[in-house]
């Protein structure tokens, strides 16, 4: 780290705020895992990067550690980070409140999106088992063991495979995906029917 006349920027732009927000939101998820414990340390590092002038960090430097180990840098970063809930906050605290509000909203949105688009693995496994069972029963000609559902799923899968130019992993995944959607939609309509009967 190199310091030269360390100070808070004279003007903190919207781009500066967005950069801090994005870094904090990105830190809240590592892959599909929610990692809230990384948000504040990342926020501190982002404040040092985007809200301060007169400091330069090495590429491989841990900025959070640099803040913790340097009293002067820590003092400037903490002007943004330390919020005592005062009704008359400093400009720095007001900026960080705005940042945190946006971070919170974006994290909540990402959680909802992740929950909405994460498929139910049990249903996917059930669909795959139905496709496999249908193929197995057809292959072994266990016609009496086929349920009406097995026949529908099996026929749709066979038709899709028969009309495909080449059978590959993507096609089989697509077949299972379609079976998942079909079963999932039937389950939803069954629930809707039971709701209307009540």
Protein backbone atom coordinates (compact mmCIF):
# COMPACT_ATOMS: atom_id res chain seq x y z
CA UNK A 1 0.00 0.00 0.00
CA UNK A 2 1.19 3.48 -0.86
CA UNK A 3 -0.32 6.51 0.90
CA UNK A 4 0.16 10.06 -0.27
CA UNK A 5 -2.03 12.75 1.29
CA UNK A 6 -4.79 10.30 2.26
CA UNK A 7 -8.24 11.93 2.28
CA UNK A 8 -11.92 11.46 1.49
CA UNK A 9 -12.74 12.29 -2.11
CA UNK A 10 -14.04 15.81 -2.66
CA UNK A 11 -16.87 14.39 -4.75
CA UNK A 12 -18.20 10.85 -4.46
CA UNK A 13 -19.94 10.09 -7.73
CA UNK A 14 -22.87 7.80 -8.47
CA UNK A 15 -20.37 5.49 -10.19
CA UNK A 16 -18.33 5.32 -6.97
CA UNK A 17 -21.45 4.39 -4.98
CA UNK A 18 -22.54 1.80 -7.56
CA UNK A 19 -19.08 0.21 -7.47
CA UNK A 20 -19.27 -0.17 -3.68
CA UNK A 21 -22.84 -1.50 -3.90
CA UNK A 22 -21.89 -4.04 -6.58
CA UNK A 23 -18.87 -5.29 -4.66
CA UNK A 24 -20.90 -5.76 -1.48
CA UNK A 25 -23.75 -7.53 -3.29
CA UNK A 26 -21.31 -9.78 -5.17
CA UNK A 27 -19.68 -10.70 -1.86
CA UNK A 28 -23.04 -11.76 -0.43
CA UNK A 29 -23.12 -14.84 -2.68
CA UNK A 30 -20.31 -17.26 -3.44
CA UNK A 31 -21.75 -19.40 -6.20
CA UNK A 32 -25.18 -20.42 -4.87
CA UNK A 33 -24.10 -20.05 -1.24
CA UNK A 34 -25.27 -17.03 0.74
CA UNK A 35 -22.21 -15.49 2.44
CA UNK A 36 -23.42 -12.48 4.46
CA UNK A 37 -20.26 -12.47 6.60
CA UNK A 38 -18.27 -11.23 3.58
CA UNK A 39 -20.46 -8.17 2.95
CA UNK A 40 -19.06 -5.78 5.56
CA UNK A 41 -15.35 -6.58 5.07
CA UNK A 42 -15.86 -6.22 1.33
CA UNK A 43 -17.70 -2.95 1.94
CA UNK A 44 -14.78 -1.63 3.95
CA UNK A 45 -12.35 -2.53 1.18
CA UNK A 46 -14.66 -0.96 -1.44
CA UNK A 47 -14.89 2.26 0.60
CA UNK A 48 -11.09 2.45 0.62
CA UNK A 49 -10.98 1.88 -3.16
CA UNK A 50 -13.79 4.17 -4.28
CA UNK A 51 -14.40 6.82 -1.61
CA UNK A 52 -10.82 7.76 -0.71
CA UNK A 53 -8.02 9.52 -2.56
CA UNK A 54 -4.31 9.28 -1.83
CA UNK A 55 -4.06 5.51 -1.36
CA UNK A 56 -2.98 2.81 -3.76
CA UNK A 57 -3.06 -0.91 -3.06
CA UNK A 58 -0.86 -3.65 -4.49
CA UNK A 59 -2.66 -6.10 -6.78
CA UNK A 60 -2.28 -9.02 -4.38
CA UNK A 61 -2.82 -7.00 -1.21
CA UNK A 62 -5.63 -7.87 1.18
CA UNK A 63 -7.29 -4.46 1.48
CA UNK A 64 -9.33 -5.42 4.53
CA UNK A 65 -6.15 -6.40 6.39
CA UNK A 66 -4.49 -3.16 5.27
CA UNK A 67 -7.39 -1.17 6.77
CA UNK A 68 -7.30 -3.07 10.06
CA UNK A 69 -3.52 -2.66 10.38
CA UNK A 70 -3.24 1.03 9.46
CA UNK A 71 -4.73 3.51 11.94
CA UNK A 72 -4.95 6.42 9.51
CA UNK A 73 -6.64 4.39 6.76
CA UNK A 74 -8.93 2.78 9.32
CA UNK A 75 -9.99 6.20 10.62
CA UNK A 76 -11.08 7.35 7.15
CA UNK A 77 -12.89 4.11 6.30
CA UNK A 78 -14.65 4.04 9.67
CA UNK A 79 -16.04 7.54 9.03
CA UNK A 80 -18.29 5.78 6.51
CA UNK A 81 -18.73 2.44 8.22
CA UNK A 82 -19.40 3.42 11.84
CA UNK A 83 -23.06 4.44 12.08
CA UNK A 84 -24.31 5.11 15.59
CA UNK A 85 -27.88 5.64 14.37
CA UNK A 86 -27.70 9.38 15.00
CA UNK A 87 -30.48 11.63 13.72
CA UNK A 88 -27.78 14.04 12.58
CA UNK A 89 -25.34 11.74 10.75
CA UNK A 90 -22.24 12.93 8.95
CA UNK A 91 -22.17 13.15 5.16
CA UNK A 92 -20.05 9.99 5.07
CA UNK A 93 -22.57 8.04 7.16
CA UNK A 94 -25.43 9.29 4.96
CA UNK A 95 -23.61 8.05 1.86
CA UNK A 96 -23.05 4.66 3.46
CA UNK A 97 -26.69 4.42 4.60
CA UNK A 98 -27.74 4.94 0.99
CA UNK A 99 -25.25 2.29 -0.12
CA UNK A 100 -26.40 -0.20 2.53
CA UNK A 101 -30.09 0.34 1.67
CA UNK A 102 -29.36 -0.50 -1.96
CA UNK A 103 -27.19 -3.46 -0.99
CA UNK A 104 -29.97 -4.83 1.22
CA UNK A 105 -32.58 -4.42 -1.55
CA UNK A 106 -30.36 -6.10 -4.13
CA UNK A 107 -29.50 -9.01 -1.82
CA UNK A 108 -33.20 -9.58 -1.08
CA UNK A 109 -33.91 -9.53 -4.80
CA UNK A 110 -31.12 -12.01 -5.55
CA UNK A 111 -32.39 -14.33 -2.79
CA UNK A 112 -35.88 -14.28 -4.31
CA UNK A 113 -34.56 -14.90 -7.82
CA UNK A 114 -32.36 -17.76 -6.60
CA UNK A 115 -35.26 -19.34 -4.71
CA UNK A 116 -37.63 -18.90 -7.64
CA UNK A 117 -35.36 -20.42 -10.25
CA UNK A 118 -33.81 -23.18 -8.17
CA UNK A 119 -35.58 -26.33 -9.30
CA UNK A 120 -36.93 -28.82 -6.82
CA UNK A 121 -34.33 -31.60 -7.02
CA UNK A 122 -36.74 -34.20 -5.69
CA UNK A 123 -39.10 -33.51 -8.57
CA UNK A 124 -36.24 -33.68 -11.09
CA UNK A 125 -35.14 -37.04 -9.68
CA UNK A 126 -38.74 -38.27 -9.77
CA UNK A 127 -39.03 -37.23 -13.45
CA UNK A 128 -35.75 -38.92 -14.33
CA UNK A 129 -36.91 -42.08 -12.54
CA UNK A 130 -40.20 -42.01 -14.49
CA UNK A 131 -38.38 -41.68 -17.80
CA UNK A 132 -35.97 -44.47 -16.85
CA UNK A 133 -38.79 -46.69 -15.56
CA UNK A 134 -40.83 -46.08 -18.73
CA UNK A 135 -37.84 -46.95 -20.95
CA UNK A 136 -37.03 -49.98 -18.79
CA UNK A 137 -40.60 -51.30 -18.90
CA UNK A 138 -40.80 -50.72 -22.64
CA UNK A 139 -37.39 -52.31 -23.24
CA UNK A 140 -38.32 -55.38 -21.21
CA UNK A 141 -41.87 -55.37 -22.54
CA UNK A 142 -43.37 -55.24 -19.05
CA UNK A 143 -46.50 -53.71 -20.50
CA UNK A 144 -48.71 -54.48 -17.44
CA UNK A 145 -46.27 -52.52 -15.23
CA UNK A 146 -46.69 -49.34 -17.29
CA UNK A 147 -48.92 -46.70 -15.79
CA UNK A 148 -50.76 -44.22 -17.99
CA UNK A 149 -48.29 -41.59 -16.81
CA UNK A 150 -45.35 -43.86 -17.74
CA UNK A 151 -46.76 -44.30 -21.23
CA UNK A 152 -47.25 -40.55 -21.73
CA UNK A 153 -43.79 -39.67 -20.45
CA UNK A 154 -42.18 -42.53 -22.38
CA UNK A 155 -43.96 -41.72 -25.64
CA UNK A 156 -43.08 -38.05 -25.43
CA UNK A 157 -39.45 -38.89 -24.71
CA UNK A 158 -39.31 -41.48 -27.52
CA UNK A 159 -40.90 -39.06 -29.99
CA UNK A 160 -38.43 -36.35 -29.09
CA UNK A 161 -35.51 -38.76 -29.45
CA UNK A 162 -36.91 -40.26 -32.69
CA UNK A 163 -37.22 -36.83 -34.30
CA UNK A 164 -33.75 -35.72 -33.24
CA UNK A 165 -30.79 -35.86 -35.62
CA UNK A 166 -28.39 -36.99 -32.90
CA UNK A 167 -28.92 -38.28 -29.39
CA UNK A 168 -26.61 -36.70 -26.85
CA UNK A 169 -26.46 -35.64 -23.22
CA UNK A 170 -28.14 -32.30 -24.01
CA UNK A 171 -31.09 -34.06 -25.65
CA UNK A 172 -31.52 -36.46 -22.73
CA UNK A 173 -31.30 -33.54 -20.32
CA UNK A 174 -33.96 -31.78 -22.38
CA UNK A 175 -36.19 -34.86 -22.22
CA UNK A 176 -35.86 -34.98 -18.42
CA UNK A 177 -36.42 -31.21 -18.21
CA UNK A 178 -39.64 -31.51 -20.23
CA UNK A 179 -40.80 -34.39 -18.04
CA UNK A 180 -40.05 -32.27 -14.97
CA UNK A 181 -42.11 -29.38 -16.36
CA UNK A 182 -44.98 -31.69 -17.27
CA UNK A 183 -45.10 -33.37 -13.86
CA UNK A 184 -44.54 -30.08 -12.04
CA UNK A 185 -47.41 -28.43 -13.94
CA UNK A 186 -49.68 -31.45 -13.31
CA UNK A 187 -48.87 -31.26 -9.60
CA UNK A 188 -49.74 -27.54 -9.63
CA UNK A 189 -53.03 -28.15 -11.43
CA UNK A 190 -53.87 -30.97 -8.98
CA UNK A 191 -53.30 -28.54 -6.11
CA UNK A 192 -55.43 -25.90 -7.86
CA UNK A 193 -58.22 -28.47 -8.36
CA UNK A 194 -58.13 -29.42 -4.67
CA UNK A 195 -58.18 -25.71 -3.72
CA UNK A 196 -61.30 -25.09 -5.80
CA UNK A 197 -63.03 -28.18 -4.40
CA UNK A 198 -62.59 -26.89 -0.80
